[in-house]
Amino acid sequence: MNFLTQLMENKILISAASGWVIAQILKTLLYTLLNKEFLAERLVGGGGMPSSHSATVCALSTATAMKFGPSSFEFAMAAVFSLVVMYDAIGVRQEAGK
């Protein structure tokens, strides 16, 4: 089995990537509806709501808990990582708002 095939079978990675993709699509749709103009940059750019960073790590933690259980070392690592990313995202949003 080659590397790409193995990568595509990693459900946790696919969950995290899906969280990012869904957040970016929603962000683009919301921007388009509110501003009545389509900006392709919203599909890959940072900033705005929903937070693609938070969606990615939330999906990562959820998938990890479902696969390994909430008492596992793997989930503990994913949860701490998620909390750090989301805490940092809050700080960035506050600074951007000033």
C-alpha atoms as a PDB file:
ATOM      1  CA  MET A   1       0.000   0.000   0.000  1.00  0.00           C
ATOM      2  CA  ASN A   2       1.506   3.330  -0.980  1.00  0.00           C
ATOM      3  CA  PHE A   3       1.777   6.420   1.193  1.00  0.00           C
ATOM      4  CA  LEU A   4      -1.107   8.333  -0.390  1.00  0.00           C
ATOM      5  CA  THR A   5      -3.474   5.387  -0.013  1.00  0.00           C
ATOM      6  CA  GLN A   6      -2.530   5.035   3.655  1.00  0.00           C
ATOM      7  CA  LEU A   7      -3.020   8.760   4.164  1.00  0.00           C
ATOM      8  CA  MET A   8      -6.505   8.630   2.624  1.00  0.00           C
ATOM      9  CA  GLU A   9      -7.470   5.846   5.066  1.00  0.00           C
ATOM     10  CA  ASN A  10      -6.609   7.982   8.098  1.00  0.00           C
ATOM     11  CA  LYS A  11     -10.103   8.906   9.307  1.00  0.00           C
ATOM     12  CA  ILE A  12      -8.793  11.329  11.921  1.00  0.00           C
ATOM     13  CA  LEU A  13      -6.828  13.282   9.327  1.00  0.00           C
ATOM     14  CA  ILE A  14      -9.799  13.256   6.953  1.00  0.00           C
ATOM     15  CA  SER A  15     -12.051  14.554   9.755  1.00  0.00           C
ATOM     16  CA  ALA A  16      -9.679  17.428  10.520  1.00  0.00           C
ATOM     17  CA  ALA A  17      -9.328  18.338   6.836  1.00  0.00           C
ATOM     18  CA  SER A  18     -13.108  18.143   6.391  1.00  0.00           C
ATOM     19  CA  GLY A  19     -13.602  20.524   9.314  1.00  0.00           C
ATOM     20  CA  TRP A  20     -11.314  23.030   7.632  1.00  0.00           C
ATOM     21  CA  VAL A  21     -12.977  22.671   4.208  1.00  0.00           C
ATOM     22  CA  ILE A  22     -16.506  23.011   5.621  1.00  0.00           C
ATOM     23  CA  ALA A  23     -15.542  26.099   7.654  1.00  0.00           C
ATOM     24  CA  GLN A  24     -13.944  27.737   4.606  1.00  0.00           C
ATOM     25  CA  ILE A  25     -16.986  27.038   2.431  1.00  0.00           C
ATOM     26  CA  LEU A  26     -19.352  28.390   5.105  1.00  0.00           C
ATOM     27  CA  LYS A  27     -17.144  31.451   5.547  1.00  0.00           C
ATOM     28  CA  THR A  28     -17.269  32.116   1.805  1.00  0.00           C
ATOM     29  CA  LEU A  29     -21.032  31.628   1.621  1.00  0.00           C
ATOM     30  CA  LEU A  30     -21.653  33.921   4.605  1.00  0.00           C
ATOM     31  CA  TYR A  31     -19.359  36.587   3.167  1.00  0.00           C
ATOM     32  CA  THR A  32     -21.102  36.372  -0.203  1.00  0.00           C
ATOM     33  CA  LEU A  33     -24.580  36.606   1.335  1.00  0.00           C
ATOM     34  CA  LEU A  34     -23.728  39.507   3.645  1.00  0.00           C
ATOM     35  CA  ASN A  35     -21.635  41.552   1.195  1.00  0.00           C
ATOM     36  CA  LYS A  36     -23.350  40.540  -2.048  1.00  0.00           C
ATOM     37  CA  GLU A  37     -20.019  39.828  -3.712  1.00  0.00           C
ATOM     38  CA  PHE A  38     -17.999  36.652  -4.157  1.00  0.00           C
ATOM     39  CA  LEU A  39     -14.374  36.751  -3.034  1.00  0.00           C
ATOM     40  CA  ALA A  40     -12.467  33.587  -3.956  1.00  0.00           C
ATOM     41  CA  GLU A  41      -9.828  34.494  -1.342  1.00  0.00           C
ATOM     42  CA  ARG A  42     -12.357  33.606   1.377  1.00  0.00           C
ATOM     43  CA  LEU A  43     -12.034  29.956   0.315  1.00  0.00           C
ATOM     44  CA  VAL A  44      -8.407  29.813   1.472  1.00  0.00           C
ATOM     45  CA  GLY A  45      -7.809  32.996   3.469  1.00  0.00           C
ATOM     46  CA  GLY A  46      -7.679  33.299   7.227  1.00  0.00           C
ATOM     47  CA  GLY A  47      -9.874  35.418   9.463  1.00  0.00           C
ATOM     48  CA  GLY A  48     -13.612  35.669   9.633  1.00  0.00           C
ATOM     49  CA  MET A  49     -16.204  33.360  11.063  1.00  0.00           C
ATOM     50  CA  PRO A  50     -16.487  30.454  11.379  1.00  0.00           C
ATOM     51  CA  SER A  51     -12.887  29.956  12.446  1.00  0.00           C
ATOM     52  CA  SER A  52     -11.297  27.335  10.238  1.00  0.00           C
ATOM     53  CA  HIS A  53      -8.530  26.842  12.805  1.00  0.00           C
ATOM     54  CA  SER A  54     -11.051  26.047  15.527  1.00  0.00           C
ATOM     55  CA  ALA A  55     -13.128  23.845  13.220  1.00  0.00           C
ATOM     56  CA  THR A  56     -10.034  21.861  12.238  1.00  0.00           C
ATOM     57  CA  VAL A  57      -8.845  21.157  15.771  1.00  0.00           C
ATOM     58  CA  CYS A  58     -12.373  20.516  17.033  1.00  0.00           C
ATOM     59  CA  ALA A  59     -12.856  17.874  14.326  1.00  0.00           C
ATOM     60  CA  LEU A  60      -9.417  16.448  15.163  1.00  0.00           C
ATOM     61  CA  SER A  61     -10.264  16.127  18.864  1.00  0.00           C
ATOM     62  CA  THR A  62     -13.719  14.686  18.206  1.00  0.00           C
ATOM     63  CA  ALA A  63     -12.440  12.066  15.772  1.00  0.00           C
ATOM     64  CA  THR A  64      -9.612  11.165  18.147  1.00  0.00           C
ATOM     65  CA  ALA A  65     -12.054  10.719  21.048  1.00  0.00           C
ATOM     66  CA  MET A  66     -14.302   8.550  18.898  1.00  0.00           C
ATOM     67  CA  LYS A  67     -11.431   6.317  17.775  1.00  0.00           C
ATOM     68  CA  PHE A  68      -9.349   6.050  20.947  1.00  0.00           C
ATOM     69  CA  GLY A  69     -11.796   7.068  23.681  1.00  0.00           C
ATOM     70  CA  PRO A  70     -11.897  10.148  25.877  1.00  0.00           C
ATOM     71  CA  SER A  71      -9.541   8.627  28.473  1.00  0.00           C
ATOM     72  CA  SER A  72      -6.773   7.909  25.951  1.00  0.00           C
ATOM     73  CA  PHE A  73      -3.379   9.556  25.649  1.00  0.00           C
ATOM     74  CA  GLU A  74      -4.146  10.365  22.014  1.00  0.00           C
ATOM     75  CA  PHE A  75      -7.282  12.289  22.939  1.00  0.00           C
ATOM     76  CA  ALA A  76      -5.466  14.127  25.728  1.00  0.00           C
ATOM     77  CA  MET A  77      -2.857  15.340  23.239  1.00  0.00           C
ATOM     78  CA  ALA A  78      -5.485  16.358  20.682  1.00  0.00           C
ATOM     79  CA  ALA A  79      -7.596  18.142  23.320  1.00  0.00           C
ATOM     80  CA  VAL A  80      -4.666  20.139  24.715  1.00  0.00           C
ATOM     81  CA  PHE A  81      -3.577  21.050  21.185  1.00  0.00           C
ATOM     82  CA  SER A  82      -7.131  22.147  20.376  1.00  0.00           C
ATOM     83  CA  LEU A  83      -7.398  24.293  23.507  1.00  0.00           C
ATOM     84  CA  VAL A  84      -4.104  26.036  22.720  1.00  0.00           C
ATOM     85  CA  VAL A  85      -5.149  26.747  19.121  1.00  0.00           C
ATOM     86  CA  MET A  86      -8.599  28.029  20.115  1.00  0.00           C
ATOM     87  CA  TYR A  87      -7.199  30.162  22.947  1.00  0.00           C
ATOM     88  CA  ASP A  88      -4.702  31.687  20.519  1.00  0.00           C
ATOM     89  CA  ALA A  89      -7.466  32.275  17.951  1.00  0.00           C
ATOM     90  CA  ILE A  90      -9.442  34.228  20.567  1.00  0.00           C
ATOM     91  CA  GLY A  91      -6.409  36.426  21.274  1.00  0.00           C
ATOM     92  CA  VAL A  92      -5.821  37.066  17.582  1.00  0.00           C
ATOM     93  CA  ARG A  93      -9.502  38.041  17.094  1.00  0.00           C
ATOM     94  CA  GLN A  94      -9.345  40.455  20.042  1.00  0.00           C
ATOM     95  CA  GLU A  95      -6.208  42.127  18.702  1.00  0.00           C
ATOM     96  CA  ALA A  96      -7.632  42.336  15.183  1.00  0.00           C
ATOM     97  CA  GLY A  97     -10.733  44.032  16.575  1.00  0.00           C
ATOM     98  CA  LYS A  98      -8.689  46.840  18.202  1.00  0.00           C
END
